[in-house]
Amino acid sequence: IVFDAETTGFDHKNDRIIELSAIKLVCKNQNIIVEKQIDKLIDLPSGMSISSKITELTVITNWQLMNEDLPSNEVFNEFVQMFANEKALLVAYNAQFDMNFIYYFLAENNCISILKKINMLDALTVYKDRAEYPHKLENAIVKYNLGNKVINSHRAIDDTLALIEVLKAMS
């Protein structure tokens, strides 16, 4: 399951996830196919909003979060159901960042035990072993000549799709 999250900031204890995307890949008949995909905007606690800097980076607006978002427990439930009944490998770029936010959400909802069933791969760590600094996802896209295949927009779904292509290129 390749995933990415966009957040209101960098502090996993005080900031929140505002967008979560995940793509579950499975191997069938020696082909890798998409079994399930989610891309959801997530509501914020009452009185919380995103800064203009986050809107500039992600193009997600407070209006979108007020009108297109879903309750966080609904989104996280859909995400957890992607791997709840199996031993899964979750893959993210700079996974510690995303997992800190997911961990705190699950902790608030007494669901941390679900994380015992997963394995985690940080694609950033793999990329660091293969390329000189800098190590952002956009650098990996350039290194592997993927600019015509992917979009690096700082939207969770675009970054998730880009990561899948980077993983293919690194394999």
Protein backbone atom coordinates (compact mmCIF):
# COMPACT_ATOMS: atom_id res chain seq x y z
CA ILE A 1 0.00 0.00 0.00
CA VAL A 2 1.66 3.17 -1.22
CA PHE A 3 0.38 6.26 0.57
CA ASP A 4 0.90 9.95 1.26
CA ALA A 5 -0.62 12.55 3.53
CA GLU A 6 -0.86 16.32 3.31
CA THR A 7 -1.02 18.13 6.65
CA THR A 8 -1.69 21.51 8.23
CA GLY A 9 1.95 21.69 9.35
CA PHE A 10 4.91 19.69 10.59
CA ASP A 11 3.97 19.00 14.23
CA HIS A 12 2.24 15.61 14.41
CA LYS A 13 0.97 16.35 17.92
CA ASN A 14 -0.77 19.62 17.06
CA ASP A 15 -1.26 19.66 13.29
CA ARG A 16 -3.65 17.40 11.39
CA ILE A 17 -3.83 15.42 8.17
CA ILE A 18 -5.97 17.24 5.61
CA GLU A 19 -5.61 14.79 2.72
CA LEU A 20 -4.87 11.07 2.69
CA SER A 21 -4.25 9.00 -0.41
CA ALA A 22 -3.43 5.31 -0.61
CA ILE A 23 -3.14 2.83 -3.43
CA LYS A 24 -3.22 -0.87 -2.69
CA LEU A 25 -1.22 -2.86 -5.21
CA VAL A 26 -1.52 -6.63 -5.55
CA CYS A 27 0.12 -9.18 -7.79
CA LYS A 28 -2.28 -11.19 -9.95
CA ASN A 29 -1.11 -13.45 -12.77
CA GLN A 30 2.38 -11.96 -12.44
CA ASN A 31 1.03 -8.45 -13.02
CA ILE A 32 0.86 -5.68 -10.45
CA ILE A 33 -2.61 -4.14 -10.42
CA VAL A 34 -4.43 -1.55 -8.36
CA GLU A 35 -6.85 -3.31 -6.04
CA LYS A 36 -8.10 -0.24 -4.20
CA GLN A 37 -7.45 3.48 -4.22
CA ILE A 38 -8.50 6.26 -1.90
CA ASP A 39 -7.92 9.99 -2.05
CA LYS A 40 -9.85 11.96 0.54
CA LEU A 41 -9.84 15.40 2.08
CA ILE A 42 -10.27 15.22 5.85
CA ASP A 43 -12.19 17.55 8.11
CA LEU A 44 -10.42 19.64 10.71
CA PRO A 45 -11.46 20.12 14.32
CA SER A 46 -13.83 23.02 14.86
CA GLY A 47 -12.02 26.35 14.78
CA MET A 48 -8.93 24.97 13.04
CA SER A 49 -7.96 26.10 9.54
CA ILE A 50 -5.05 25.78 7.19
CA SER A 51 -2.54 28.57 6.64
CA SER A 52 -2.02 30.40 3.39
CA LYS A 53 1.43 28.75 3.21
CA ILE A 54 -0.16 25.26 3.23
CA THR A 55 -2.71 26.39 0.62
CA GLU A 56 0.15 27.74 -1.51
CA LEU A 57 2.03 24.44 -1.22
CA THR A 58 -0.89 22.00 -1.66
CA VAL A 59 -3.54 24.15 -3.37
CA ILE A 60 -5.98 22.79 -0.76
CA THR A 61 -8.18 25.61 0.54
CA ASN A 62 -10.19 26.10 3.69
CA TRP A 63 -13.27 26.28 1.46
CA GLN A 64 -12.51 22.78 0.11
CA LEU A 65 -12.07 21.44 3.62
CA MET A 66 -15.40 22.92 4.65
CA ASN A 67 -17.28 21.65 1.59
CA GLU A 68 -15.53 18.54 0.24
CA ASP A 69 -14.05 16.91 3.32
CA LEU A 70 -15.06 13.74 5.12
CA PRO A 71 -14.96 12.96 8.82
CA SER A 72 -11.45 11.87 9.81
CA ASN A 73 -12.65 8.63 11.42
CA GLU A 74 -14.40 7.66 8.16
CA VAL A 75 -11.28 8.28 6.07
CA PHE A 76 -8.97 6.49 8.48
CA ASN A 77 -11.36 3.56 8.74
CA GLU A 78 -11.29 3.19 4.95
CA PHE A 79 -7.48 3.41 4.99
CA VAL A 80 -7.10 0.85 7.80
CA GLN A 81 -9.50 -1.53 6.05
CA MET A 82 -7.03 -1.71 3.18
CA PHE A 83 -4.68 -3.71 5.41
CA ALA A 84 -6.62 -4.68 8.53
CA ASN A 85 -7.04 -8.35 7.69
CA GLU A 86 -3.61 -9.11 6.30
CA LYS A 87 0.09 -8.60 6.76
CA ALA A 88 0.71 -5.56 4.60
CA LEU A 89 3.67 -3.49 3.49
CA LEU A 90 3.02 0.24 3.74
CA VAL A 91 5.31 2.39 1.60
CA ALA A 92 5.73 6.14 1.81
CA TYR A 93 8.36 8.69 0.89
CA ASN A 94 9.73 10.10 4.15
CA ALA A 95 7.52 7.57 5.93
CA GLN A 96 8.33 8.74 9.46
CA PHE A 97 6.58 12.05 8.79
CA ASP A 98 3.35 10.45 7.53
CA MET A 99 3.37 7.64 10.08
CA ASN A 100 3.75 10.05 13.01
CA PHE A 101 0.50 11.72 11.98
CA ILE A 102 -1.25 8.39 11.40
CA TYR A 103 0.03 7.02 14.70
CA TYR A 104 -1.35 9.98 16.66
CA PHE A 105 -4.72 9.72 14.95
CA LEU A 106 -4.90 6.00 15.72
CA ALA A 107 -3.79 6.64 19.30
CA GLU A 108 -6.58 9.18 19.78
CA ASN A 109 -9.01 6.50 18.59
CA ASN A 110 -7.49 3.57 20.52
CA CYS A 111 -6.51 1.73 17.34
CA ILE A 112 -2.70 1.57 17.59
CA SER A 113 -2.70 -2.23 17.70
CA ILE A 114 -3.52 -2.31 13.97
CA LEU A 115 0.03 -1.10 13.32
CA LYS A 116 1.45 -4.34 14.73
CA LYS A 117 0.26 -6.12 11.59
CA ILE A 118 2.14 -3.98 9.11
CA ASN A 119 5.63 -3.70 7.73
CA MET A 120 6.89 -0.29 6.71
CA LEU A 121 9.22 0.80 3.92
CA ASP A 122 10.54 4.31 3.61
CA ALA A 123 11.30 4.85 -0.07
CA LEU A 124 13.34 7.93 0.87
CA THR A 125 15.81 5.68 2.69
CA VAL A 126 16.17 3.49 -0.40
CA TYR A 127 16.60 6.52 -2.64
CA LYS A 128 19.29 7.98 -0.34
CA ASP A 129 21.36 4.85 -0.94
CA ARG A 130 21.12 5.34 -4.70
CA ALA A 131 21.50 9.06 -5.26
CA GLU A 132 23.46 12.09 -4.16
CA TYR A 133 21.80 14.87 -2.16
CA PRO A 134 19.19 16.40 -2.50
CA HIS A 135 16.69 13.63 -1.73
CA LYS A 136 13.23 15.08 -2.22
CA LEU A 137 10.62 13.15 -4.19
CA GLU A 138 10.94 15.73 -6.96
CA ASN A 139 14.68 14.89 -7.19
CA ALA A 140 13.88 11.19 -7.62
CA ILE A 141 11.37 12.07 -10.35
CA VAL A 142 14.08 13.99 -12.22
CA LYS A 143 16.79 11.34 -11.64
CA TYR A 144 14.60 8.60 -13.12
CA ASN A 145 13.29 10.79 -15.99
CA LEU A 146 9.68 10.50 -14.85
CA GLY A 147 8.64 14.09 -15.50
CA ASN A 148 6.50 13.07 -18.45
CA LYS A 149 4.74 10.32 -16.43
CA VAL A 150 3.96 11.95 -13.09
CA ILE A 151 2.97 15.21 -11.47
CA ASN A 152 4.81 16.49 -8.40
CA SER A 153 2.16 18.82 -7.00
CA HIS A 154 2.26 18.28 -3.23
CA ARG A 155 -1.18 16.72 -3.44
CA ALA A 156 -1.36 13.34 -1.77
CA ILE A 157 -2.69 11.44 -4.79
CA ASP A 158 -0.13 12.92 -7.18
CA ASP A 159 2.71 12.15 -4.77
CA THR A 160 1.41 8.61 -4.27
CA LEU A 161 1.24 7.98 -8.02
CA ALA A 162 4.69 9.53 -8.44
CA LEU A 163 6.10 7.30 -5.72
CA ILE A 164 4.77 4.20 -7.47
CA GLU A 165 6.69 5.20 -10.60
CA VAL A 166 9.84 5.96 -8.57
CA LEU A 167 9.57 2.53 -6.93
CA LYS A 168 9.33 0.90 -10.36
CA ALA A 169 12.38 2.85 -11.52
CA MET A 170 14.39 1.85 -8.44
CA SER A 171 13.56 -1.85 -8.76
